[in-house]
N, C-alpha and C. Protein backbone atom coordinates (compact mmCIF):
# COMPACT_ATOMS: atom_id res chain seq x y z
N MET A 1 -3.04 -29.25 8.87
CA MET A 1 -1.97 -28.38 8.42
C MET A 1 -0.70 -28.72 9.20
N LYS A 2 0.36 -28.85 8.49
CA LYS A 2 1.64 -29.14 9.12
C LYS A 2 2.14 -27.88 9.82
N GLU A 3 2.76 -28.03 10.96
CA GLU A 3 3.23 -26.87 11.72
C GLU A 3 4.73 -26.91 11.90
N LYS A 4 5.31 -25.74 12.09
CA LYS A 4 6.72 -25.59 12.34
C LYS A 4 6.89 -24.58 13.47
N LEU A 5 7.76 -24.89 14.39
CA LEU A 5 8.02 -23.99 15.51
C LEU A 5 8.89 -22.82 15.04
N THR A 6 8.45 -21.62 15.35
CA THR A 6 9.18 -20.40 15.01
C THR A 6 9.18 -19.51 16.24
N THR A 7 10.29 -18.87 16.47
CA THR A 7 10.36 -17.94 17.60
C THR A 7 10.51 -16.52 17.07
N LEU A 8 10.06 -15.55 17.85
CA LEU A 8 10.23 -14.16 17.47
C LEU A 8 10.27 -13.28 18.71
N ARG A 9 10.86 -12.14 18.54
CA ARG A 9 10.93 -11.17 19.63
C ARG A 9 9.86 -10.11 19.38
N LEU A 10 9.17 -9.75 20.46
CA LEU A 10 8.13 -8.73 20.38
C LEU A 10 8.38 -7.66 21.42
N PRO A 11 8.01 -6.44 21.12
CA PRO A 11 8.06 -5.41 22.16
C PRO A 11 7.15 -5.83 23.32
N VAL A 12 7.53 -5.46 24.51
CA VAL A 12 6.78 -5.84 25.71
C VAL A 12 5.32 -5.40 25.60
N GLU A 13 5.07 -4.21 25.05
CA GLU A 13 3.70 -3.70 24.94
C GLU A 13 2.84 -4.61 24.05
N ILE A 14 3.43 -5.09 22.97
CA ILE A 14 2.70 -5.98 22.06
C ILE A 14 2.41 -7.31 22.75
N ASP A 15 3.39 -7.81 23.47
CA ASP A 15 3.20 -9.06 24.21
C ASP A 15 2.06 -8.92 25.21
N ARG A 16 2.00 -7.80 25.89
CA ARG A 16 0.91 -7.56 26.85
C ARG A 16 -0.45 -7.55 26.14
N GLU A 17 -0.50 -6.92 24.98
CA GLU A 17 -1.76 -6.87 24.22
C GLU A 17 -2.19 -8.28 23.81
N ILE A 18 -1.24 -9.09 23.40
CA ILE A 18 -1.55 -10.47 23.02
C ILE A 18 -2.05 -11.26 24.22
N GLU A 19 -1.41 -11.04 25.37
CA GLU A 19 -1.88 -11.70 26.60
C GLU A 19 -3.31 -11.29 26.93
N LYS A 20 -3.62 -10.00 26.77
CA LYS A 20 -4.99 -9.51 27.03
C LYS A 20 -5.98 -10.19 26.09
N MET A 21 -5.61 -10.26 24.80
CA MET A 21 -6.49 -10.90 23.82
C MET A 21 -6.72 -12.36 24.17
N ALA A 22 -5.67 -13.04 24.55
CA ALA A 22 -5.78 -14.45 24.92
C ALA A 22 -6.69 -14.61 26.12
N TYR A 23 -6.53 -13.75 27.09
CA TYR A 23 -7.36 -13.81 28.30
C TYR A 23 -8.83 -13.57 27.96
N MET A 24 -9.08 -12.55 27.13
CA MET A 24 -10.45 -12.20 26.76
C MET A 24 -11.13 -13.31 25.97
N LYS A 25 -10.36 -14.05 25.17
CA LYS A 25 -10.93 -15.13 24.37
C LYS A 25 -10.82 -16.48 25.06
N ASP A 26 -10.30 -16.47 26.29
CA ASP A 26 -10.06 -17.70 27.04
C ASP A 26 -9.26 -18.68 26.17
N SER A 27 -8.15 -18.17 25.65
CA SER A 27 -7.30 -18.91 24.74
C SER A 27 -5.85 -18.80 25.20
N ASP A 28 -4.94 -19.31 24.38
CA ASP A 28 -3.53 -19.15 24.73
C ASP A 28 -2.86 -18.22 23.71
N LYS A 29 -1.70 -17.72 24.10
CA LYS A 29 -1.00 -16.74 23.26
C LYS A 29 -0.63 -17.30 21.90
N SER A 30 -0.23 -18.56 21.84
CA SER A 30 0.16 -19.17 20.57
C SER A 30 -0.98 -19.14 19.56
N LYS A 31 -2.17 -19.49 20.03
CA LYS A 31 -3.32 -19.51 19.14
C LYS A 31 -3.65 -18.11 18.65
N ILE A 32 -3.61 -17.14 19.56
CA ILE A 32 -3.88 -15.75 19.19
C ILE A 32 -2.84 -15.26 18.18
N LEU A 33 -1.58 -15.56 18.41
CA LEU A 33 -0.52 -15.16 17.47
C LEU A 33 -0.75 -15.77 16.10
N ARG A 34 -1.09 -17.05 16.05
CA ARG A 34 -1.36 -17.70 14.76
C ARG A 34 -2.50 -16.98 14.03
N GLU A 35 -3.58 -16.69 14.76
CA GLU A 35 -4.71 -16.00 14.15
C GLU A 35 -4.31 -14.62 13.62
N LEU A 36 -3.54 -13.88 14.41
CA LEU A 36 -3.11 -12.55 13.99
C LEU A 36 -2.20 -12.61 12.77
N ILE A 37 -1.33 -13.59 12.73
CA ILE A 37 -0.43 -13.73 11.58
C ILE A 37 -1.22 -14.08 10.33
N ILE A 38 -2.18 -14.98 10.45
CA ILE A 38 -3.00 -15.35 9.30
C ILE A 38 -3.77 -14.14 8.78
N ILE A 39 -4.36 -13.37 9.69
CA ILE A 39 -5.09 -12.16 9.30
C ILE A 39 -4.14 -11.16 8.64
N GLY A 40 -2.95 -11.00 9.21
CA GLY A 40 -1.97 -10.07 8.66
C GLY A 40 -1.51 -10.45 7.27
N ILE A 41 -1.27 -11.74 7.06
CA ILE A 41 -0.84 -12.21 5.75
C ILE A 41 -1.94 -11.97 4.72
N ARG A 42 -3.18 -12.30 5.09
CA ARG A 42 -4.31 -12.09 4.19
C ARG A 42 -4.42 -10.62 3.81
N GLU A 43 -4.33 -9.74 4.80
CA GLU A 43 -4.44 -8.30 4.56
C GLU A 43 -3.28 -7.78 3.71
N ARG A 44 -2.07 -8.25 3.98
CA ARG A 44 -0.90 -7.81 3.22
C ARG A 44 -1.00 -8.22 1.76
N LYS A 45 -1.51 -9.44 1.51
CA LYS A 45 -1.68 -9.89 0.13
C LYS A 45 -2.66 -9.00 -0.61
N ILE A 46 -3.73 -8.61 0.05
CA ILE A 46 -4.72 -7.72 -0.56
C ILE A 46 -4.10 -6.35 -0.84
N GLN A 47 -3.39 -5.80 0.12
CA GLN A 47 -2.76 -4.50 -0.06
C GLN A 47 -1.76 -4.50 -1.22
N GLU A 48 -0.97 -5.56 -1.29
CA GLU A 48 0.02 -5.66 -2.37
C GLU A 48 -0.66 -5.79 -3.73
N ALA A 49 -1.71 -6.57 -3.80
CA ALA A 49 -2.44 -6.74 -5.05
C ALA A 49 -3.07 -5.41 -5.48
N ILE A 50 -3.62 -4.67 -4.53
CA ILE A 50 -4.21 -3.37 -4.85
C ILE A 50 -3.15 -2.40 -5.33
N ARG A 51 -1.99 -2.41 -4.69
CA ARG A 51 -0.89 -1.53 -5.13
C ARG A 51 -0.52 -1.84 -6.58
N LEU A 52 -0.36 -3.10 -6.90
CA LEU A 52 0.00 -3.49 -8.27
C LEU A 52 -1.08 -3.09 -9.26
N TYR A 53 -2.34 -3.22 -8.84
CA TYR A 53 -3.45 -2.81 -9.70
C TYR A 53 -3.44 -1.30 -9.93
N GLN A 54 -3.24 -0.53 -8.87
CA GLN A 54 -3.21 0.93 -8.98
C GLN A 54 -2.08 1.39 -9.89
N GLU A 55 -0.96 0.69 -9.85
CA GLU A 55 0.19 1.04 -10.69
C GLU A 55 0.03 0.55 -12.12
N GLY A 56 -1.07 -0.15 -12.39
CA GLY A 56 -1.32 -0.63 -13.74
C GLY A 56 -0.49 -1.85 -14.12
N LYS A 57 0.08 -2.50 -13.13
CA LYS A 57 0.95 -3.66 -13.41
C LYS A 57 0.16 -4.96 -13.54
N VAL A 58 -1.03 -5.00 -12.97
CA VAL A 58 -1.89 -6.19 -13.11
C VAL A 58 -3.32 -5.75 -13.32
N THR A 59 -4.10 -6.65 -13.88
CA THR A 59 -5.54 -6.39 -14.05
C THR A 59 -6.23 -6.63 -12.71
N LEU A 60 -7.47 -6.25 -12.66
CA LEU A 60 -8.26 -6.49 -11.46
C LEU A 60 -8.40 -7.99 -11.21
N TRP A 61 -8.57 -8.73 -12.30
CA TRP A 61 -8.67 -10.19 -12.21
C TRP A 61 -7.40 -10.78 -11.60
N LYS A 62 -6.24 -10.34 -12.11
CA LYS A 62 -4.96 -10.84 -11.61
C LYS A 62 -4.75 -10.40 -10.17
N ALA A 63 -5.13 -9.19 -9.83
CA ALA A 63 -5.01 -8.70 -8.46
C ALA A 63 -5.82 -9.58 -7.51
N ALA A 64 -7.01 -9.95 -7.92
CA ALA A 64 -7.85 -10.82 -7.10
C ALA A 64 -7.18 -12.17 -6.91
N ARG A 65 -6.59 -12.70 -7.95
CA ARG A 65 -5.90 -13.99 -7.85
C ARG A 65 -4.69 -13.89 -6.94
N LEU A 66 -3.94 -12.79 -7.05
CA LEU A 66 -2.76 -12.60 -6.18
C LEU A 66 -3.18 -12.49 -4.72
N ALA A 67 -4.31 -11.85 -4.48
CA ALA A 67 -4.81 -11.66 -3.12
C ALA A 67 -5.54 -12.91 -2.60
N ASP A 68 -5.75 -13.86 -3.50
CA ASP A 68 -6.44 -15.09 -3.15
C ASP A 68 -7.88 -14.83 -2.69
N ILE A 69 -8.54 -13.92 -3.40
CA ILE A 69 -9.95 -13.62 -3.13
C ILE A 69 -10.70 -13.62 -4.46
N SER A 70 -12.01 -13.61 -4.39
CA SER A 70 -12.80 -13.62 -5.62
C SER A 70 -12.69 -12.26 -6.32
N LEU A 71 -12.97 -12.28 -7.61
CA LEU A 71 -12.98 -11.04 -8.38
C LEU A 71 -14.02 -10.09 -7.81
N TRP A 72 -15.17 -10.64 -7.41
CA TRP A 72 -16.25 -9.81 -6.87
C TRP A 72 -15.82 -9.13 -5.57
N LYS A 73 -15.10 -9.87 -4.73
CA LYS A 73 -14.62 -9.29 -3.47
C LYS A 73 -13.60 -8.18 -3.76
N MET A 74 -12.71 -8.43 -4.74
CA MET A 74 -11.72 -7.41 -5.10
C MET A 74 -12.41 -6.17 -5.65
N MET A 75 -13.44 -6.37 -6.46
CA MET A 75 -14.19 -5.23 -6.99
C MET A 75 -14.82 -4.43 -5.86
N GLU A 76 -15.33 -5.13 -4.88
CA GLU A 76 -15.94 -4.49 -3.71
C GLU A 76 -14.91 -3.64 -2.96
N ILE A 77 -13.73 -4.21 -2.74
CA ILE A 77 -12.66 -3.51 -2.02
C ILE A 77 -12.22 -2.28 -2.78
N VAL A 78 -12.01 -2.43 -4.08
CA VAL A 78 -11.56 -1.31 -4.92
C VAL A 78 -12.60 -0.20 -4.94
N ALA A 79 -13.87 -0.58 -5.03
CA ALA A 79 -14.94 0.43 -5.02
C ALA A 79 -14.98 1.16 -3.68
N LYS A 80 -14.85 0.41 -2.60
CA LYS A 80 -14.89 1.00 -1.26
C LYS A 80 -13.73 1.98 -1.07
N MET A 81 -12.58 1.65 -1.66
CA MET A 81 -11.40 2.52 -1.54
C MET A 81 -11.41 3.64 -2.57
N LYS A 82 -12.43 3.64 -3.43
CA LYS A 82 -12.59 4.66 -4.48
C LYS A 82 -11.37 4.73 -5.39
N ILE A 83 -10.89 3.57 -5.78
CA ILE A 83 -9.75 3.47 -6.70
C ILE A 83 -10.29 3.53 -8.12
N ILE A 84 -9.69 4.36 -8.92
CA ILE A 84 -10.12 4.53 -10.31
C ILE A 84 -9.79 3.25 -11.08
N ALA A 85 -10.75 2.80 -11.88
CA ALA A 85 -10.57 1.58 -12.65
C ALA A 85 -9.40 1.71 -13.61
N GLN A 86 -8.55 0.70 -13.60
CA GLN A 86 -7.41 0.62 -14.51
C GLN A 86 -7.77 -0.42 -15.56
N TYR A 87 -8.58 -0.04 -16.52
CA TYR A 87 -9.09 -1.03 -17.47
C TYR A 87 -8.97 -0.51 -18.89
N GLY A 88 -8.25 -1.25 -19.68
CA GLY A 88 -8.06 -0.90 -21.08
C GLY A 88 -8.10 -2.15 -21.93
N GLU A 89 -7.61 -2.02 -23.15
CA GLU A 89 -7.63 -3.14 -24.09
C GLU A 89 -6.81 -4.33 -23.58
N ARG A 90 -5.65 -4.06 -23.01
CA ARG A 90 -4.80 -5.13 -22.48
C ARG A 90 -5.51 -5.91 -21.39
N GLU A 91 -6.18 -5.19 -20.49
CA GLU A 91 -6.89 -5.83 -19.40
C GLU A 91 -8.06 -6.67 -19.92
N LEU A 92 -8.76 -6.15 -20.92
CA LEU A 92 -9.87 -6.89 -21.51
C LEU A 92 -9.36 -8.21 -22.10
N LYS A 93 -8.26 -8.16 -22.84
CA LYS A 93 -7.69 -9.37 -23.43
C LYS A 93 -7.30 -10.38 -22.34
N GLU A 94 -6.68 -9.90 -21.27
CA GLU A 94 -6.29 -10.80 -20.19
C GLU A 94 -7.51 -11.42 -19.52
N ASP A 95 -8.54 -10.63 -19.30
CA ASP A 95 -9.74 -11.14 -18.67
C ASP A 95 -10.42 -12.18 -19.55
N LEU A 96 -10.49 -11.91 -20.86
CA LEU A 96 -11.09 -12.88 -21.78
C LEU A 96 -10.28 -14.17 -21.81
N LYS A 97 -8.98 -14.03 -21.78
CA LYS A 97 -8.09 -15.21 -21.76
C LYS A 97 -8.31 -16.02 -20.47
N ALA A 98 -8.47 -15.34 -19.36
CA ALA A 98 -8.66 -16.02 -18.07
C ALA A 98 -10.00 -16.75 -18.01
N LEU A 99 -10.99 -16.26 -18.73
CA LEU A 99 -12.30 -16.88 -18.75
C LEU A 99 -12.33 -18.19 -19.51
N LYS A 100 -11.37 -18.38 -20.42
CA LYS A 100 -11.34 -19.61 -21.25
C LYS A 100 -10.91 -20.81 -20.51
């Protein structure tokens, strides 16, 4: 993976927490920050996809694609969050189209 140097400012408390994590994992702060950012991006994509699904703007299939996870994983997340299924004729047509 190609890398690019980026700088950012963090509150001192957050920096201390990152230092603790690095120490506990016998790692360096840069590696810990990269891991946290990757986890955060993954989580944010899922949250945004779920929001769009709840608002009826995308199907469950499309939400899974936006979140970059499998449909089965998205179904699992939605069930765990007890989100009411947003499924009608439009969603069925989109899902059938996606299967082709």
